[in-house]
ModelCIF file with pLDDT and N, C-alpha, C, O atoms, coordinates in Angstrom:
data_MODEL
#
_entry.id   MODEL 
#
_entity.id                         1 
_entity.type                       polymer 
_entity.pdbx_number_of_molecules   1 
#
_entity_poly.entity_id                      1 
_entity_poly.type                           'polypeptide(L)' 
_entity_poly.nstd_linkage                   no 
_entity_poly.nstd_monomer                   no 
_entity_poly.pdbx_seq_one_letter_code       VAALREAFACPVYAPQHPAITSATQIVGEG 
_entity_poly.pdbx_seq_one_letter_code_can   VAALREAFACPVYAPQHPAITSATQIVGEG 
_entity_poly.pdbx_strand_id                 A 
#
loop_
_entity_poly_seq.entity_id 
_entity_poly_seq.num 
_entity_poly_seq.mon_id 
_entity_poly_seq.hetero 
1 1  VAL n 
1 2  ALA n 
1 3  ALA n 
1 4  LEU n 
1 5  ARG n 
1 6  GLU n 
1 7  ALA n 
1 8  PHE n 
1 9  ALA n 
1 10 CYS n 
1 11 PRO n 
1 12 VAL n 
1 13 TYR n 
1 14 ALA n 
1 15 PRO n 
1 16 GLN n 
1 17 HIS n 
1 18 PRO n 
1 19 ALA n 
1 20 ILE n 
1 21 THR n 
1 22 SER n 
1 23 ALA n 
1 24 THR n 
1 25 GLN n 
1 26 ILE n 
1 27 VAL n 
1 28 GLY n 
1 29 GLU n 
1 30 GLY n 
#
_struct_asym.id          A 
_struct_asym.entity_id   1 
#
loop_
_ma_qa_metric.id 
_ma_qa_metric.mode 
_ma_qa_metric.name 
_ma_qa_metric.software_group_id 
_ma_qa_metric.type 
1 global pLDDT . pLDDT 
2 local  pLDDT . pLDDT 
#
_ma_qa_metric_global.metric_id      1 
_ma_qa_metric_global.metric_value   92.00 
_ma_qa_metric_global.model_id       1 
_ma_qa_metric_global.ordinal_id     1 
#
loop_
_ma_qa_metric_local.label_asym_id 
_ma_qa_metric_local.label_comp_id 
_ma_qa_metric_local.label_seq_id 
_ma_qa_metric_local.metric_id 
_ma_qa_metric_local.metric_value 
_ma_qa_metric_local.model_id 
_ma_qa_metric_local.ordinal_id 
A VAL 1  2 92.00 1 1  
A ALA 2  2 92.00 1 2  
A ALA 3  2 94.00 1 3  
A LEU 4  2 96.00 1 4  
A ARG 5  2 94.00 1 5  
A GLU 6  2 93.00 1 6  
A ALA 7  2 95.00 1 7  
A PHE 8  2 95.00 1 8  
A ALA 9  2 95.00 1 9  
A CYS 10 2 96.00 1 10 
A PRO 11 2 96.00 1 11 
A VAL 12 2 95.00 1 12 
A TYR 13 2 95.00 1 13 
A ALA 14 2 93.00 1 14 
A PRO 15 2 91.00 1 15 
A GLN 16 2 90.00 1 16 
A HIS 17 2 87.00 1 17 
A PRO 18 2 87.00 1 18 
A ALA 19 2 83.00 1 19 
A ILE 20 2 85.00 1 20 
A THR 21 2 87.00 1 21 
A SER 22 2 87.00 1 22 
A ALA 23 2 90.00 1 23 
A THR 24 2 93.00 1 24 
A GLN 25 2 94.00 1 25 
A ILE 26 2 94.00 1 26 
A VAL 27 2 94.00 1 27 
A GLY 28 2 92.00 1 28 
A GLU 29 2 92.00 1 29 
A GLY 30 2 93.00 1 30 
#
loop_
_atom_site.group_PDB 
_atom_site.id 
_atom_site.type_symbol 
_atom_site.label_atom_id 
_atom_site.label_alt_id 
_atom_site.label_comp_id 
_atom_site.label_asym_id 
_atom_site.label_entity_id 
_atom_site.label_seq_id 
_atom_site.pdbx_PDB_ins_code 
_atom_site.Cartn_x 
_atom_site.Cartn_y 
_atom_site.Cartn_z 
_atom_site.occupancy 
_atom_site.B_iso_or_equiv 
_atom_site.pdbx_formal_charge 
_atom_site.auth_seq_id 
_atom_site.auth_comp_id 
_atom_site.auth_asym_id 
_atom_site.auth_atom_id 
_atom_site.pdbx_PDB_model_num 
ATOM 1   N N  . VAL A 1 1  ? -18.947 -13.082 -31.445 1.00 92.00 ? 1  VAL A N  1 
ATOM 2   C CA . VAL A 1 1  ? -19.485 -11.767 -31.801 1.00 92.00 ? 1  VAL A CA 1 
ATOM 3   C C  . VAL A 1 1  ? -19.418 -10.769 -30.646 1.00 92.00 ? 1  VAL A C  1 
ATOM 4   O O  . VAL A 1 1  ? -18.927 -9.656  -30.836 1.00 92.00 ? 1  VAL A O  1 
ATOM 5   N N  . ALA A 1 2  ? -19.888 -11.128 -29.476 1.00 92.00 ? 2  ALA A N  1 
ATOM 6   C CA . ALA A 1 2  ? -19.958 -10.175 -28.358 1.00 92.00 ? 2  ALA A CA 1 
ATOM 7   C C  . ALA A 1 2  ? -18.574 -9.637  -27.988 1.00 92.00 ? 2  ALA A C  1 
ATOM 8   O O  . ALA A 1 2  ? -18.411 -8.435  -27.777 1.00 92.00 ? 2  ALA A O  1 
ATOM 9   N N  . ALA A 1 3  ? -17.591 -10.513 -27.911 1.00 94.00 ? 3  ALA A N  1 
ATOM 10  C CA . ALA A 1 3  ? -16.236 -10.072 -27.541 1.00 94.00 ? 3  ALA A CA 1 
ATOM 11  C C  . ALA A 1 3  ? -15.635 -9.170  -28.614 1.00 94.00 ? 3  ALA A C  1 
ATOM 12  O O  . ALA A 1 3  ? -14.943 -8.204  -28.292 1.00 94.00 ? 3  ALA A O  1 
ATOM 13  N N  . LEU A 1 4  ? -15.888 -9.471  -29.870 1.00 96.00 ? 4  LEU A N  1 
ATOM 14  C CA . LEU A 1 4  ? -15.364 -8.630  -30.954 1.00 96.00 ? 4  LEU A CA 1 
ATOM 15  C C  . LEU A 1 4  ? -16.059 -7.279  -30.975 1.00 96.00 ? 4  LEU A C  1 
ATOM 16  O O  . LEU A 1 4  ? -15.422 -6.251  -31.201 1.00 96.00 ? 4  LEU A O  1 
ATOM 17  N N  . ARG A 1 5  ? -17.346 -7.281  -30.742 1.00 94.00 ? 5  ARG A N  1 
ATOM 18  C CA . ARG A 1 5  ? -18.089 -6.014  -30.701 1.00 94.00 ? 5  ARG A CA 1 
ATOM 19  C C  . ARG A 1 5  ? -17.562 -5.144  -29.571 1.00 94.00 ? 5  ARG A C  1 
ATOM 20  O O  . ARG A 1 5  ? -17.428 -3.931  -29.727 1.00 94.00 ? 5  ARG A O  1 
ATOM 21  N N  . GLU A 1 6  ? -17.266 -5.757  -28.445 1.00 93.00 ? 6  GLU A N  1 
ATOM 22  C CA . GLU A 1 6  ? -16.715 -5.020  -27.312 1.00 93.00 ? 6  GLU A CA 1 
ATOM 23  C C  . GLU A 1 6  ? -15.325 -4.464  -27.639 1.00 93.00 ? 6  GLU A C  1 
ATOM 24  O O  . GLU A 1 6  ? -15.008 -3.329  -27.281 1.00 93.00 ? 6  GLU A O  1 
ATOM 25  N N  . ALA A 1 7  ? -14.507 -5.257  -28.312 1.00 95.00 ? 7  ALA A N  1 
ATOM 26  C CA . ALA A 1 7  ? -13.140 -4.841  -28.636 1.00 95.00 ? 7  ALA A CA 1 
ATOM 27  C C  . ALA A 1 7  ? -13.099 -3.735  -29.676 1.00 95.00 ? 7  ALA A C  1 
ATOM 28  O O  . ALA A 1 7  ? -12.246 -2.851  -29.601 1.00 95.00 ? 7  ALA A O  1 
ATOM 29  N N  . PHE A 1 8  ? -14.005 -3.769  -30.643 1.00 95.00 ? 8  PHE A N  1 
ATOM 30  C CA . PHE A 1 8  ? -13.930 -2.837  -31.769 1.00 95.00 ? 8  PHE A CA 1 
ATOM 31  C C  . PHE A 1 8  ? -15.083 -1.844  -31.859 1.00 95.00 ? 8  PHE A C  1 
ATOM 32  O O  . PHE A 1 8  ? -15.027 -0.917  -32.666 1.00 95.00 ? 8  PHE A O  1 
ATOM 33  N N  . ALA A 1 9  ? -16.126 -2.015  -31.051 1.00 95.00 ? 9  ALA A N  1 
ATOM 34  C CA . ALA A 1 9  ? -17.293 -1.125  -31.083 1.00 95.00 ? 9  ALA A CA 1 
ATOM 35  C C  . ALA A 1 9  ? -17.811 -0.925  -32.509 1.00 95.00 ? 9  ALA A C  1 
ATOM 36  O O  . ALA A 1 9  ? -18.121 0.195   -32.917 1.00 95.00 ? 9  ALA A O  1 
ATOM 37  N N  . CYS A 1 10 ? -17.898 -2.014  -33.249 1.00 96.00 ? 10 CYS A N  1 
ATOM 38  C CA . CYS A 1 10 ? -18.340 -1.955  -34.636 1.00 96.00 ? 10 CYS A CA 1 
ATOM 39  C C  . CYS A 1 10 ? -19.766 -2.497  -34.754 1.00 96.00 ? 10 CYS A C  1 
ATOM 40  O O  . CYS A 1 10 ? -20.231 -3.219  -33.872 1.00 96.00 ? 10 CYS A O  1 
ATOM 41  N N  . PRO A 1 11 ? -20.454 -2.152  -35.836 1.00 96.00 ? 11 PRO A N  1 
ATOM 42  C CA . PRO A 1 11 ? -21.805 -2.679  -36.025 1.00 96.00 ? 11 PRO A CA 1 
ATOM 43  C C  . PRO A 1 11 ? -21.786 -4.178  -36.332 1.00 96.00 ? 11 PRO A C  1 
ATOM 44  O O  . PRO A 1 11 ? -20.837 -4.705  -36.913 1.00 96.00 ? 11 PRO A O  1 
ATOM 45  N N  . VAL A 1 12 ? -22.857 -4.837  -35.923 1.00 95.00 ? 12 VAL A N  1 
ATOM 46  C CA . VAL A 1 12 ? -23.046 -6.265  -36.188 1.00 95.00 ? 12 VAL A CA 1 
ATOM 47  C C  . VAL A 1 12 ? -24.315 -6.408  -37.018 1.00 95.00 ? 12 VAL A C  1 
ATOM 48  O O  . VAL A 1 12 ? -25.412 -6.111  -36.546 1.00 95.00 ? 12 VAL A O  1 
ATOM 49  N N  . TYR A 1 13 ? -24.159 -6.862  -38.251 1.00 95.00 ? 13 TYR A N  1 
ATOM 50  C CA . TYR A 1 13 ? -25.281 -7.074  -39.167 1.00 95.00 ? 13 TYR A CA 1 
ATOM 51  C C  . TYR A 1 13 ? -25.676 -8.541  -39.094 1.00 95.00 ? 13 TYR A C  1 
ATOM 52  O O  . TYR A 1 13 ? -24.844 -9.423  -39.306 1.00 95.00 ? 13 TYR A O  1 
ATOM 53  N N  . ALA A 1 14 ? -26.949 -8.803  -38.792 1.00 93.00 ? 14 ALA A N  1 
ATOM 54  C CA . ALA A 1 14 ? -27.394 -10.183 -38.606 1.00 93.00 ? 14 ALA A CA 1 
ATOM 55  C C  . ALA A 1 14 ? -28.883 -10.300 -38.904 1.00 93.00 ? 14 ALA A C  1 
ATOM 56  O O  . ALA A 1 14 ? -29.619 -9.315  -38.845 1.00 93.00 ? 14 ALA A O  1 
ATOM 57  N N  . PRO A 1 15 ? -29.318 -11.521 -39.224 1.00 91.00 ? 15 PRO A N  1 
ATOM 58  C CA . PRO A 1 15 ? -30.756 -11.750 -39.379 1.00 91.00 ? 15 PRO A CA 1 
ATOM 59  C C  . PRO A 1 15 ? -31.440 -11.734 -38.010 1.00 91.00 ? 15 PRO A C  1 
ATOM 60  O O  . PRO A 1 15 ? -30.799 -11.940 -36.980 1.00 91.00 ? 15 PRO A O  1 
ATOM 61  N N  . GLN A 1 16 ? -32.736 -11.488 -38.021 1.00 90.00 ? 16 GLN A N  1 
ATOM 62  C CA . GLN A 1 16 ? -33.516 -11.501 -36.780 1.00 90.00 ? 16 GLN A CA 1 
ATOM 63  C C  . GLN A 1 16 ? -33.553 -12.918 -36.222 1.00 90.00 ? 16 GLN A C  1 
ATOM 64  O O  . GLN A 1 16 ? -34.021 -13.840 -36.890 1.00 90.00 ? 16 GLN A O  1 
ATOM 65  N N  . HIS A 1 17 ? -33.060 -13.092 -34.998 1.00 87.00 ? 17 HIS A N  1 
ATOM 66  C CA . HIS A 1 17 ? -33.152 -14.379 -34.304 1.00 87.00 ? 17 HIS A CA 1 
ATOM 67  C C  . HIS A 1 17 ? -32.840 -14.153 -32.835 1.00 87.00 ? 17 HIS A C  1 
ATOM 68  O O  . HIS A 1 17 ? -31.895 -13.432 -32.513 1.00 87.00 ? 17 HIS A O  1 
ATOM 69  N N  . PRO A 1 18 ? -33.622 -14.762 -31.925 1.00 87.00 ? 18 PRO A N  1 
ATOM 70  C CA . PRO A 1 18 ? -33.392 -14.559 -30.491 1.00 87.00 ? 18 PRO A CA 1 
ATOM 71  C C  . PRO A 1 18 ? -31.984 -14.957 -30.022 1.00 87.00 ? 18 PRO A C  1 
ATOM 72  O O  . PRO A 1 18 ? -31.481 -14.388 -29.053 1.00 87.00 ? 18 PRO A O  1 
ATOM 73  N N  . ALA A 1 19 ? -31.349 -15.914 -30.685 1.00 83.00 ? 19 ALA A N  1 
ATOM 74  C CA . ALA A 1 19 ? -30.015 -16.355 -30.266 1.00 83.00 ? 19 ALA A CA 1 
ATOM 75  C C  . ALA A 1 19 ? -28.930 -15.350 -30.619 1.00 83.00 ? 19 ALA A C  1 
ATOM 76  O O  . ALA A 1 19 ? -27.838 -15.393 -30.052 1.00 83.00 ? 19 ALA A O  1 
ATOM 77  N N  . ILE A 1 20 ? -29.214 -14.449 -31.544 1.00 85.00 ? 20 ILE A N  1 
ATOM 78  C CA . ILE A 1 20 ? -28.213 -13.462 -31.970 1.00 85.00 ? 20 ILE A CA 1 
ATOM 79  C C  . ILE A 1 20 ? -28.481 -12.174 -31.197 1.00 85.00 ? 20 ILE A C  1 
ATOM 80  O O  . ILE A 1 20 ? -29.202 -11.291 -31.662 1.00 85.00 ? 20 ILE A O  1 
ATOM 81  N N  . THR A 1 21 ? -27.889 -12.087 -30.013 1.00 87.00 ? 21 THR A N  1 
ATOM 82  C CA . THR A 1 21 ? -28.201 -10.984 -29.107 1.00 87.00 ? 21 THR A CA 1 
ATOM 83  C C  . THR A 1 21 ? -27.304 -9.760  -29.301 1.00 87.00 ? 21 THR A C  1 
ATOM 84  O O  . THR A 1 21 ? -27.611 -8.688  -28.779 1.00 87.00 ? 21 THR A O  1 
ATOM 85  N N  . SER A 1 22 ? -26.219 -9.900  -30.030 1.00 87.00 ? 22 SER A N  1 
ATOM 86  C CA . SER A 1 22 ? -25.285 -8.773  -30.204 1.00 87.00 ? 22 SER A CA 1 
ATOM 87  C C  . SER A 1 22 ? -25.513 -7.992  -31.489 1.00 87.00 ? 22 SER A C  1 
ATOM 88  O O  . SER A 1 22 ? -24.743 -7.083  -31.803 1.00 87.00 ? 22 SER A O  1 
ATOM 89  N N  . ALA A 1 23 ? -26.553 -8.329  -32.234 1.00 90.00 ? 23 ALA A N  1 
ATOM 90  C CA . ALA A 1 23 ? -26.814 -7.616  -33.491 1.00 90.00 ? 23 ALA A CA 1 
ATOM 91  C C  . ALA A 1 23 ? -27.155 -6.152  -33.210 1.00 90.00 ? 23 ALA A C  1 
ATOM 92  O O  . ALA A 1 23 ? -27.912 -5.831  -32.295 1.00 90.00 ? 23 ALA A O  1 
ATOM 93  N N  . THR A 1 24 ? -26.574 -5.286  -34.024 1.00 93.00 ? 24 THR A N  1 
ATOM 94  C CA . THR A 1 24 ? -26.914 -3.862  -33.934 1.00 93.00 ? 24 THR A CA 1 
ATOM 95  C C  . THR A 1 24 ? -27.746 -3.440  -35.137 1.00 93.00 ? 24 THR A C  1 
ATOM 96  O O  . THR A 1 24 ? -28.455 -2.435  -35.085 1.00 93.00 ? 24 THR A O  1 
ATOM 97  N N  . GLN A 1 25 ? -27.661 -4.204  -36.215 1.00 94.00 ? 25 GLN A N  1 
ATOM 98  C CA . GLN A 1 25 ? -28.424 -3.926  -37.438 1.00 94.00 ? 25 GLN A CA 1 
ATOM 99  C C  . GLN A 1 25 ? -29.064 -5.232  -37.900 1.00 94.00 ? 25 GLN A C  1 
ATOM 100 O O  . GLN A 1 25 ? -28.366 -6.156  -38.318 1.00 94.00 ? 25 GLN A O  1 
ATOM 101 N N  . ILE A 1 26 ? -30.377 -5.306  -37.826 1.00 94.00 ? 26 ILE A N  1 
ATOM 102 C CA . ILE A 1 26 ? -31.084 -6.504  -38.297 1.00 94.00 ? 26 ILE A CA 1 
ATOM 103 C C  . ILE A 1 26 ? -31.277 -6.360  -39.800 1.00 94.00 ? 26 ILE A C  1 
ATOM 104 O O  . ILE A 1 26 ? -31.768 -5.338  -40.281 1.00 94.00 ? 26 ILE A O  1 
ATOM 105 N N  . VAL A 1 27 ? -30.887 -7.393  -40.533 1.00 94.00 ? 27 VAL A N  1 
ATOM 106 C CA . VAL A 1 27 ? -31.033 -7.379  -41.987 1.00 94.00 ? 27 VAL A CA 1 
ATOM 107 C C  . VAL A 1 27 ? -31.801 -8.612  -42.447 1.00 94.00 ? 27 VAL A C  1 
ATOM 108 O O  . VAL A 1 27 ? -31.794 -9.658  -41.798 1.00 94.00 ? 27 VAL A O  1 
ATOM 109 N N  . GLY A 1 28 ? -32.453 -8.454  -43.573 1.00 92.00 ? 28 GLY A N  1 
ATOM 110 C CA . GLY A 1 28 ? -33.214 -9.552  -44.149 1.00 92.00 ? 28 GLY A CA 1 
ATOM 111 C C  . GLY A 1 28 ? -33.218 -9.433  -45.658 1.00 92.00 ? 28 GLY A C  1 
ATOM 112 O O  . GLY A 1 28 ? -32.530 -8.588  -46.231 1.00 92.00 ? 28 GLY A O  1 
ATOM 113 N N  . GLU A 1 29 ? -33.989 -10.274 -46.283 1.00 92.00 ? 29 GLU A N  1 
ATOM 114 C CA . GLU A 1 29 ? -34.059 -10.299 -47.734 1.00 92.00 ? 29 GLU A CA 1 
ATOM 115 C C  . GLU A 1 29 ? -34.405 -8.920  -48.282 1.00 92.00 ? 29 GLU A C  1 
ATOM 116 O O  . GLU A 1 29 ? -35.350 -8.278  -47.824 1.00 92.00 ? 29 GLU A O  1 
ATOM 117 N N  . GLY A 1 30 ? -33.630 -8.472  -49.269 1.00 93.00 ? 30 GLY A N  1 
ATOM 118 C CA . GLY A 1 30 ? -33.862 -7.193  -49.905 1.00 93.00 ? 30 GLY A CA 1 
ATOM 119 C C  . GLY A 1 30 ? -33.115 -6.028  -49.271 1.00 93.00 ? 30 GLY A C  1 
ATOM 120 O O  . GLY A 1 30 ? -33.238 -4.892  -49.730 1.00 93.00 ? 30 GLY A O  1 
#
């Protein structure tokens, strides 16, 4: 994720979790 985000400067949609440090948009149920 981090290398791809750096290469493309695109948003990263991910659930809230401390291990997912490159998320730009936290998403959850609903």
